[in-house]
C-alpha atoms as a PDB file:
ATOM      1  CA  UNK A   1      45.013  29.296  68.555  1.00  0.00           C
ATOM      2  CA  UNK A   2      44.858  28.110  72.155  1.00  0.00           C
ATOM      3  CA  UNK A   3      45.552  30.751  74.754  1.00  0.00           C
ATOM      4  CA  UNK A   4      48.419  30.496  77.230  1.00  0.00           C
ATOM      5  CA  UNK A   5      45.826  30.095  79.993  1.00  0.00           C
ATOM      6  CA  UNK A   6      44.323  27.018  78.340  1.00  0.00           C
ATOM      7  CA  UNK A   7      47.781  25.513  77.737  1.00  0.00           C
ATOM      8  CA  UNK A   8      48.670  26.087  81.397  1.00  0.00           C
ATOM      9  CA  UNK A   9      45.460  24.379  82.475  1.00  0.00           C
ATOM     10  CA  UNK A  10      46.148  21.400  80.221  1.00  0.00           C
ATOM     11  CA  UNK A  11      49.690  21.149  81.552  1.00  0.00           C
ATOM     12  CA  UNK A  12      48.542  21.225  85.175  1.00  0.00           C
ATOM     13  CA  UNK A  13      46.200  18.323  84.489  1.00  0.00           C
ATOM     14  CA  UNK A  14      48.904  16.371  82.681  1.00  0.00           C
ATOM     15  CA  UNK A  15      51.449  16.860  85.465  1.00  0.00           C
ATOM     16  CA  UNK A  16      48.904  15.925  88.129  1.00  0.00           C
ATOM     17  CA  UNK A  17      48.344  12.614  86.324  1.00  0.00           C
ATOM     18  CA  UNK A  18      52.040  11.895  85.823  1.00  0.00           C
ATOM     19  CA  UNK A  19      52.421  12.934  82.180  1.00  0.00           C
ATOM     20  CA  UNK A  20      54.782  15.344  80.483  1.00  0.00           C
ATOM     21  CA  UNK A  21      53.558  18.820  79.661  1.00  0.00           C
ATOM     22  CA  UNK A  22      52.867  19.669  76.042  1.00  0.00           C
ATOM     23  CA  UNK A  23      56.220  21.450  75.773  1.00  0.00           C
ATOM     24  CA  UNK A  24      58.032  18.520  77.422  1.00  0.00           C
ATOM     25  CA  UNK A  25      56.348  16.122  75.006  1.00  0.00           C
ATOM     26  CA  UNK A  26      57.393  18.226  72.042  1.00  0.00           C
ATOM     27  CA  UNK A  27      60.951  18.405  73.396  1.00  0.00           C
ATOM     28  CA  UNK A  28      61.319  14.685  72.690  1.00  0.00           C
ATOM     29  CA  UNK A  29      61.863  15.828  69.110  1.00  0.00           C
ATOM     30  CA  UNK A  30      65.309  16.988  70.264  1.00  0.00           C
ATOM     31  CA  UNK A  31      66.177  13.279  70.382  1.00  0.00           C
ATOM     32  CA  UNK A  32      64.873  12.719  66.855  1.00  0.00           C
ATOM     33  CA  UNK A  33      61.430  11.549  67.943  1.00  0.00           C
ATOM     34  CA  UNK A  34      58.369  12.560  65.926  1.00  0.00           C
ATOM     35  CA  UNK A  35      55.266  13.665  67.833  1.00  0.00           C
ATOM     36  CA  UNK A  36      52.438  13.954  65.321  1.00  0.00           C
ATOM     37  CA  UNK A  37      49.967  15.522  67.780  1.00  0.00           C
ATOM     38  CA  UNK A  38      51.270  16.565  71.225  1.00  0.00           C
ATOM     39  CA  UNK A  39      47.758  17.249  72.503  1.00  0.00           C
ATOM     40  CA  UNK A  40      46.532  13.654  72.103  1.00  0.00           C
ATOM     41  CA  UNK A  41      49.881  12.023  72.922  1.00  0.00           C
ATOM     42  CA  UNK A  42      50.432  11.336  76.634  1.00  0.00           C
ATOM     43  CA  UNK A  43      53.897  10.212  77.725  1.00  0.00           C
ATOM     44  CA  UNK A  44      54.717   9.654  81.381  1.00  0.00           C
ATOM     45  CA  UNK A  45      57.282  11.792  83.127  1.00  0.00           C
ATOM     46  CA  UNK A  46      58.933   8.562  84.288  1.00  0.00           C
ATOM     47  CA  UNK A  47      59.037   6.930  80.832  1.00  0.00           C
ATOM     48  CA  UNK A  48      62.514   6.455  79.390  1.00  0.00           C
ATOM     49  CA  UNK A  49      62.158   7.195  75.660  1.00  0.00           C
ATOM     50  CA  UNK A  50      64.982   6.667  73.170  1.00  0.00           C
ATOM     51  CA  UNK A  51      65.517   8.273  69.779  1.00  0.00           C
ATOM     52  CA  UNK A  52      63.807   8.335  66.373  1.00  0.00           C
ATOM     53  CA  UNK A  53      60.478   6.940  67.547  1.00  0.00           C
ATOM     54  CA  UNK A  54      57.276   8.019  65.778  1.00  0.00           C
ATOM     55  CA  UNK A  55      54.191   8.673  67.891  1.00  0.00           C
ATOM     56  CA  UNK A  56      50.888   8.980  66.039  1.00  0.00           C
ATOM     57  CA  UNK A  57      47.849  10.606  67.713  1.00  0.00           C
ATOM     58  CA  UNK A  58      46.067   8.864  70.600  1.00  0.00           C
ATOM     59  CA  UNK A  59      49.140   7.151  72.020  1.00  0.00           C
ATOM     60  CA  UNK A  60      49.450   6.871  75.803  1.00  0.00           C
ATOM     61  CA  UNK A  61      52.492   5.686  77.769  1.00  0.00           C
ATOM     62  CA  UNK A  62      51.968   5.526  81.542  1.00  0.00           C
ATOM     63  CA  UNK A  63      54.424   4.587  84.294  1.00  0.00           C
ATOM     64  CA  UNK A  64      54.015   4.838  88.046  1.00  0.00           C
ATOM     65  CA  UNK A  65      57.716   4.939  88.901  1.00  0.00           C
ATOM     66  CA  UNK A  66      61.107   5.509  87.250  1.00  0.00           C
ATOM     67  CA  UNK A  67      62.695   2.483  85.509  1.00  0.00           C
ATOM     68  CA  UNK A  68      59.314   0.807  84.927  1.00  0.00           C
ATOM     69  CA  UNK A  69      58.841   1.853  81.297  1.00  0.00           C
ATOM     70  CA  UNK A  70      61.596   1.914  78.696  1.00  0.00           C
ATOM     71  CA  UNK A  71      61.185   2.458  74.953  1.00  0.00           C
ATOM     72  CA  UNK A  72      64.166   2.002  72.653  1.00  0.00           C
ATOM     73  CA  UNK A  73      64.858   3.581  69.293  1.00  0.00           C
ATOM     74  CA  UNK A  74      63.062   3.748  65.968  1.00  0.00           C
ATOM     75  CA  UNK A  75      59.718   2.312  67.063  1.00  0.00           C
ATOM     76  CA  UNK A  76      56.486   3.193  65.266  1.00  0.00           C
ATOM     77  CA  UNK A  77      53.428   3.756  67.466  1.00  0.00           C
ATOM     78  CA  UNK A  78      50.335   4.130  65.333  1.00  0.00           C
ATOM     79  CA  UNK A  79      47.093   5.475  66.816  1.00  0.00           C
ATOM     80  CA  UNK A  80      45.278   3.577  69.559  1.00  0.00           C
ATOM     81  CA  UNK A  81      48.306   2.370  71.551  1.00  0.00           C
ATOM     82  CA  UNK A  82      48.091   2.242  75.361  1.00  0.00           C
ATOM     83  CA  UNK A  83      51.036   1.124  77.483  1.00  0.00           C
ATOM     84  CA  UNK A  84      50.690   1.041  81.282  1.00  0.00           C
ATOM     85  CA  UNK A  85      53.590   0.051  83.527  1.00  0.00           C
ATOM     86  CA  UNK A  86      51.949  -0.221  86.926  1.00  0.00           C
ATOM     87  CA  UNK A  87      54.164  -1.947  89.511  1.00  0.00           C
ATOM     88  CA  UNK A  88      55.583  -4.299  86.856  1.00  0.00           C
ATOM     89  CA  UNK A  89      57.950  -3.140  84.132  1.00  0.00           C
ATOM     90  CA  UNK A  90      57.455  -2.814  80.382  1.00  0.00           C
ATOM     91  CA  UNK A  91      60.662  -2.887  78.345  1.00  0.00           C
ATOM     92  CA  UNK A  92      60.525  -2.329  74.566  1.00  0.00           C
ATOM     93  CA  UNK A  93      63.467  -2.665  72.180  1.00  0.00           C
ATOM     94  CA  UNK A  94      64.087  -1.042  68.811  1.00  0.00           C
ATOM     95  CA  UNK A  95      62.304  -0.675  65.473  1.00  0.00           C
ATOM     96  CA  UNK A  96      59.049  -2.394  66.355  1.00  0.00           C
ATOM     97  CA  UNK A  97      55.773  -1.651  64.587  1.00  0.00           C
ATOM     98  CA  UNK A  98      52.750  -1.203  66.875  1.00  0.00           C
ATOM     99  CA  UNK A  99      49.497  -0.928  64.898  1.00  0.00           C
ATOM    100  CA  UNK A 100      47.416  -0.297  63.038  1.00  0.00           C
ATOM    101  CA  UNK A 101      44.823  -1.397  65.550  1.00  0.00           C
ATOM    102  CA  UNK A 102      44.004  -1.034  69.223  1.00  0.00           C
ATOM    103  CA  UNK A 103      46.904  -2.337  71.289  1.00  0.00           C
ATOM    104  CA  UNK A 104      47.016  -2.477  75.103  1.00  0.00           C
ATOM    105  CA  UNK A 105      50.161  -3.472  77.000  1.00  0.00           C
ATOM    106  CA  UNK A 106      49.945  -3.474  80.791  1.00  0.00           C
ATOM    107  CA  UNK A 107      51.612  -4.846  83.905  1.00  0.00           C
ATOM    108  CA  UNK A 108      50.199  -4.976  87.408  1.00  0.00           C
ATOM    109  CA  UNK A 109      52.703  -7.111  89.337  1.00  0.00           C
ATOM    110  CA  UNK A 110      56.405  -6.707  90.015  1.00  0.00           C
ATOM    111  CA  UNK A 111      57.039 -10.380  89.234  1.00  0.00           C
ATOM    112  CA  UNK A 112      55.209 -10.320  85.886  1.00  0.00           C
ATOM    113  CA  UNK A 113      56.969  -7.892  83.525  1.00  0.00           C
ATOM    114  CA  UNK A 114      56.430  -7.496  79.806  1.00  0.00           C
ATOM    115  CA  UNK A 115      59.526  -7.580  77.624  1.00  0.00           C
ATOM    116  CA  UNK A 116      59.383  -6.917  73.881  1.00  0.00           C
ATOM    117  CA  UNK A 117      62.515  -7.283  71.770  1.00  0.00           C
ATOM    118  CA  UNK A 118      63.359  -5.504  68.530  1.00  0.00           C
ATOM    119  CA  UNK A 119      62.096  -5.617  64.921  1.00  0.00           C
ATOM    120  CA  UNK A 120      58.711  -7.078  65.890  1.00  0.00           C
ATOM    121  CA  UNK A 121      55.271  -6.391  64.460  1.00  0.00           C
ATOM    122  CA  UNK A 122      52.088  -6.074  66.523  1.00  0.00           C
ATOM    123  CA  UNK A 123      48.987  -5.411  64.486  1.00  0.00           C
ATOM    124  CA  UNK A 124      45.286  -5.720  65.325  1.00  0.00           C
ATOM    125  CA  UNK A 125      43.269  -5.676  68.542  1.00  0.00           C
ATOM    126  CA  UNK A 126      45.841  -6.970  71.000  1.00  0.00           C
ATOM    127  CA  UNK A 127      46.120  -7.184  74.790  1.00  0.00           C
ATOM    128  CA  UNK A 128      49.509  -8.072  76.258  1.00  0.00           C
ATOM    129  CA  UNK A 129      49.661  -8.447  80.038  1.00  0.00           C
ATOM    130  CA  UNK A 130      52.036  -9.644  82.716  1.00  0.00           C
ATOM    131  CA  UNK A 131      54.627 -12.326  82.291  1.00  0.00           C
ATOM    132  CA  UNK A 132      55.093 -12.008  78.536  1.00  0.00           C
ATOM    133  CA  UNK A 133      58.531 -12.223  76.924  1.00  0.00           C
ATOM    134  CA  UNK A 134      58.322 -11.533  73.193  1.00  0.00           C
ATOM    135  CA  UNK A 135      61.693 -11.856  71.501  1.00  0.00           C
ATOM    136  CA  UNK A 136      63.271 -10.162  68.525  1.00  0.00           C
ATOM    137  CA  UNK A 137      61.308 -10.388  65.290  1.00  0.00           C
ATOM    138  CA  UNK A 138      58.163 -11.761  66.911  1.00  0.00           C
ATOM    139  CA  UNK A 139      54.728 -10.976  65.545  1.00  0.00           C
ATOM    140  CA  UNK A 140      51.249 -10.860  67.043  1.00  0.00           C
ATOM    141  CA  UNK A 141      48.624 -10.323  64.352  1.00  0.00           C
ATOM    142  CA  UNK A 142      44.866 -10.319  64.883  1.00  0.00           C
ATOM    143  CA  UNK A 143      42.456 -10.141  67.795  1.00  0.00           C
ATOM    144  CA  UNK A 144      44.538 -11.770  70.519  1.00  0.00           C
ATOM    145  CA  UNK A 145      44.917 -11.580  74.300  1.00  0.00           C
ATOM    146  CA  UNK A 146      48.289 -12.727  75.701  1.00  0.00           C
ATOM    147  CA  UNK A 147      49.318 -13.529  79.258  1.00  0.00           C
ATOM    148  CA  UNK A 148      52.376 -15.439  80.492  1.00  0.00           C
ATOM    149  CA  UNK A 149      53.495 -16.188  76.936  1.00  0.00           C
ATOM    150  CA  UNK A 150      57.070 -16.530  75.691  1.00  0.00           C
ATOM    151  CA  UNK A 151      57.808 -16.152  71.984  1.00  0.00           C
ATOM    152  CA  UNK A 152      61.302 -17.111  70.864  1.00  0.00           C
ATOM    153  CA  UNK A 153      63.255 -14.440  69.046  1.00  0.00           C
ATOM    154  CA  UNK A 154      64.730 -14.614  65.558  1.00  0.00           C
ATOM    155  CA  UNK A 155      64.767 -12.624  62.355  1.00  0.00           C
ATOM    156  CA  UNK A 156      62.114 -10.055  61.494  1.00  0.00           C
ATOM    157  CA  UNK A 157      59.141 -10.729  59.208  1.00  0.00           C
ATOM    158  CA  UNK A 158      61.384  -9.564  56.368  1.00  0.00           C
ATOM    159  CA  UNK A 159      63.990 -12.270  57.038  1.00  0.00           C
ATOM    160  CA  UNK A 160      64.288 -14.413  53.895  1.00  0.00           C
ATOM    161  CA  UNK A 161      64.079 -17.782  55.709  1.00  0.00           C
ATOM    162  CA  UNK A 162      60.682 -18.164  57.383  1.00  0.00           C
ATOM    163  CA  UNK A 163      61.742 -20.777  59.947  1.00  0.00           C
ATOM    164  CA  UNK A 164      64.459 -18.463  61.257  1.00  0.00           C
ATOM    165  CA  UNK A 165      62.035 -15.637  62.046  1.00  0.00           C
ATOM    166  CA  UNK A 166      60.744 -14.779  65.494  1.00  0.00           C
ATOM    167  CA  UNK A 167      57.742 -16.786  66.668  1.00  0.00           C
ATOM    168  CA  UNK A 168      54.256 -15.681  65.570  1.00  0.00           C
ATOM    169  CA  UNK A 169      50.715 -15.696  66.919  1.00  0.00           C
ATOM    170  CA  UNK A 170      47.969 -14.834  64.469  1.00  0.00           C
ATOM    171  CA  UNK A 171      44.204 -15.164  64.284  1.00  0.00           C
ATOM    172  CA  UNK A 172      41.954 -14.593  67.287  1.00  0.00           C
ATOM    173  CA  UNK A 173      41.529 -15.887  70.811  1.00  0.00           C
ATOM    174  CA  UNK A 174      43.319 -16.078  74.153  1.00  0.00           C
ATOM    175  CA  UNK A 175      46.958 -17.171  74.461  1.00  0.00           C
ATOM    176  CA  UNK A 176      47.865 -18.256  77.993  1.00  0.00           C
ATOM    177  CA  UNK A 177      50.909 -19.766  79.662  1.00  0.00           C
ATOM    178  CA  UNK A 178      52.968 -21.375  76.902  1.00  0.00           C
ATOM    179  CA  UNK A 179      56.175 -20.863  74.915  1.00  0.00           C
ATOM    180  CA  UNK A 180      57.047 -21.030  71.228  1.00  0.00           C
ATOM    181  CA  UNK A 181      60.462 -21.535  69.682  1.00  0.00           C
ATOM    182  CA  UNK A 182      61.839 -19.320  66.894  1.00  0.00           C
ATOM    183  CA  UNK A 183      60.234 -20.103  63.549  1.00  0.00           C
ATOM    184  CA  UNK A 184      57.056 -21.498  65.100  1.00  0.00           C
ATOM    185  CA  UNK A 185      53.564 -20.103  64.553  1.00  0.00           C
ATOM    186  CA  UNK A 186      50.067 -20.734  65.852  1.00  0.00           C
ATOM    187  CA  UNK A 187      47.065 -19.592  63.852  1.00  0.00           C
ATOM    188  CA  UNK A 188      44.410 -19.381  66.550  1.00  0.00           C
ATOM    189  CA  UNK A 189      40.702 -19.807  65.943  1.00  0.00           C
ATOM    190  CA  UNK A 190      39.240 -18.918  69.320  1.00  0.00           C
ATOM    191  CA  UNK A 191      42.089 -20.574  71.226  1.00  0.00           C
ATOM    192  CA  UNK A 192      45.833 -21.080  71.013  1.00  0.00           C
ATOM    193  CA  UNK A 193      47.101 -24.574  71.757  1.00  0.00           C
ATOM    194  CA  UNK A 194      50.494 -26.206  71.293  1.00  0.00           C
ATOM    195  CA  UNK A 195      48.825 -28.943  69.259  1.00  0.00           C
ATOM    196  CA  UNK A 196      48.315 -26.308  66.554  1.00  0.00           C
ATOM    197  CA  UNK A 197      51.973 -25.290  66.259  1.00  0.00           C
ATOM    198  CA  UNK A 198      53.374 -25.153  62.733  1.00  0.00           C
ATOM    199  CA  UNK A 199      56.640 -23.970  61.288  1.00  0.00           C
ATOM    200  CA  UNK A 200      56.324 -20.684  59.436  1.00  0.00           C
ATOM    201  CA  UNK A 201      57.420 -22.294  56.192  1.00  0.00           C
ATOM    202  CA  UNK A 202      54.056 -24.097  56.294  1.00  0.00           C
ATOM    203  CA  UNK A 203      52.454 -20.757  55.450  1.00  0.00           C
ATOM    204  CA  UNK A 204      55.393 -19.337  53.488  1.00  0.00           C
ATOM    205  CA  UNK A 205      56.769 -22.223  51.383  1.00  0.00           C
ATOM    206  CA  UNK A 206      58.518 -19.735  49.126  1.00  0.00           C
ATOM    207  CA  UNK A 207      60.675 -18.574  52.049  1.00  0.00           C
ATOM    208  CA  UNK A 208      62.390 -21.856  52.985  1.00  0.00           C
END
């Protein structure tokens, strides 16, 4: 068992770097959140965290100022998730799945926020940076780097009609400065280009 002295030392370091103490992190359970390991979970003092979220070990949420980082309700953060709201804001809706994988979401500029809707799925080795607007039900699956990308919102991946789901990026490569409509998908193979856009029913003909 860790001594009170060690806990105090850990808490001083956390507070100096802008994170909640271990006790403050655990107190998020009062809002229905689940903290699997408070020692490896770092959540900023300034982060606005909703209810019923699940935080697996090795999750880090950083925010330089109040209002920059907001997390809704019922999200699942599996291990290896890093969110950094530095100058620009990161706003996350409800009931998204982050992981499994290594996922980095970061903003550096006030005019380039990241907005993520609800009921999305983000799985793989993913980097999401400034200027991204990912709507409800959107999915990013694979080894993908996104910047200045807009994905149109729709139903979740469970929605019975594929072409009514949120837009999807899957595969691997860099996605830069484009927009997809709901129901559209690009399967990237080193790059993501609008010439490769398909409707999701192309891959899920049983869900028309």
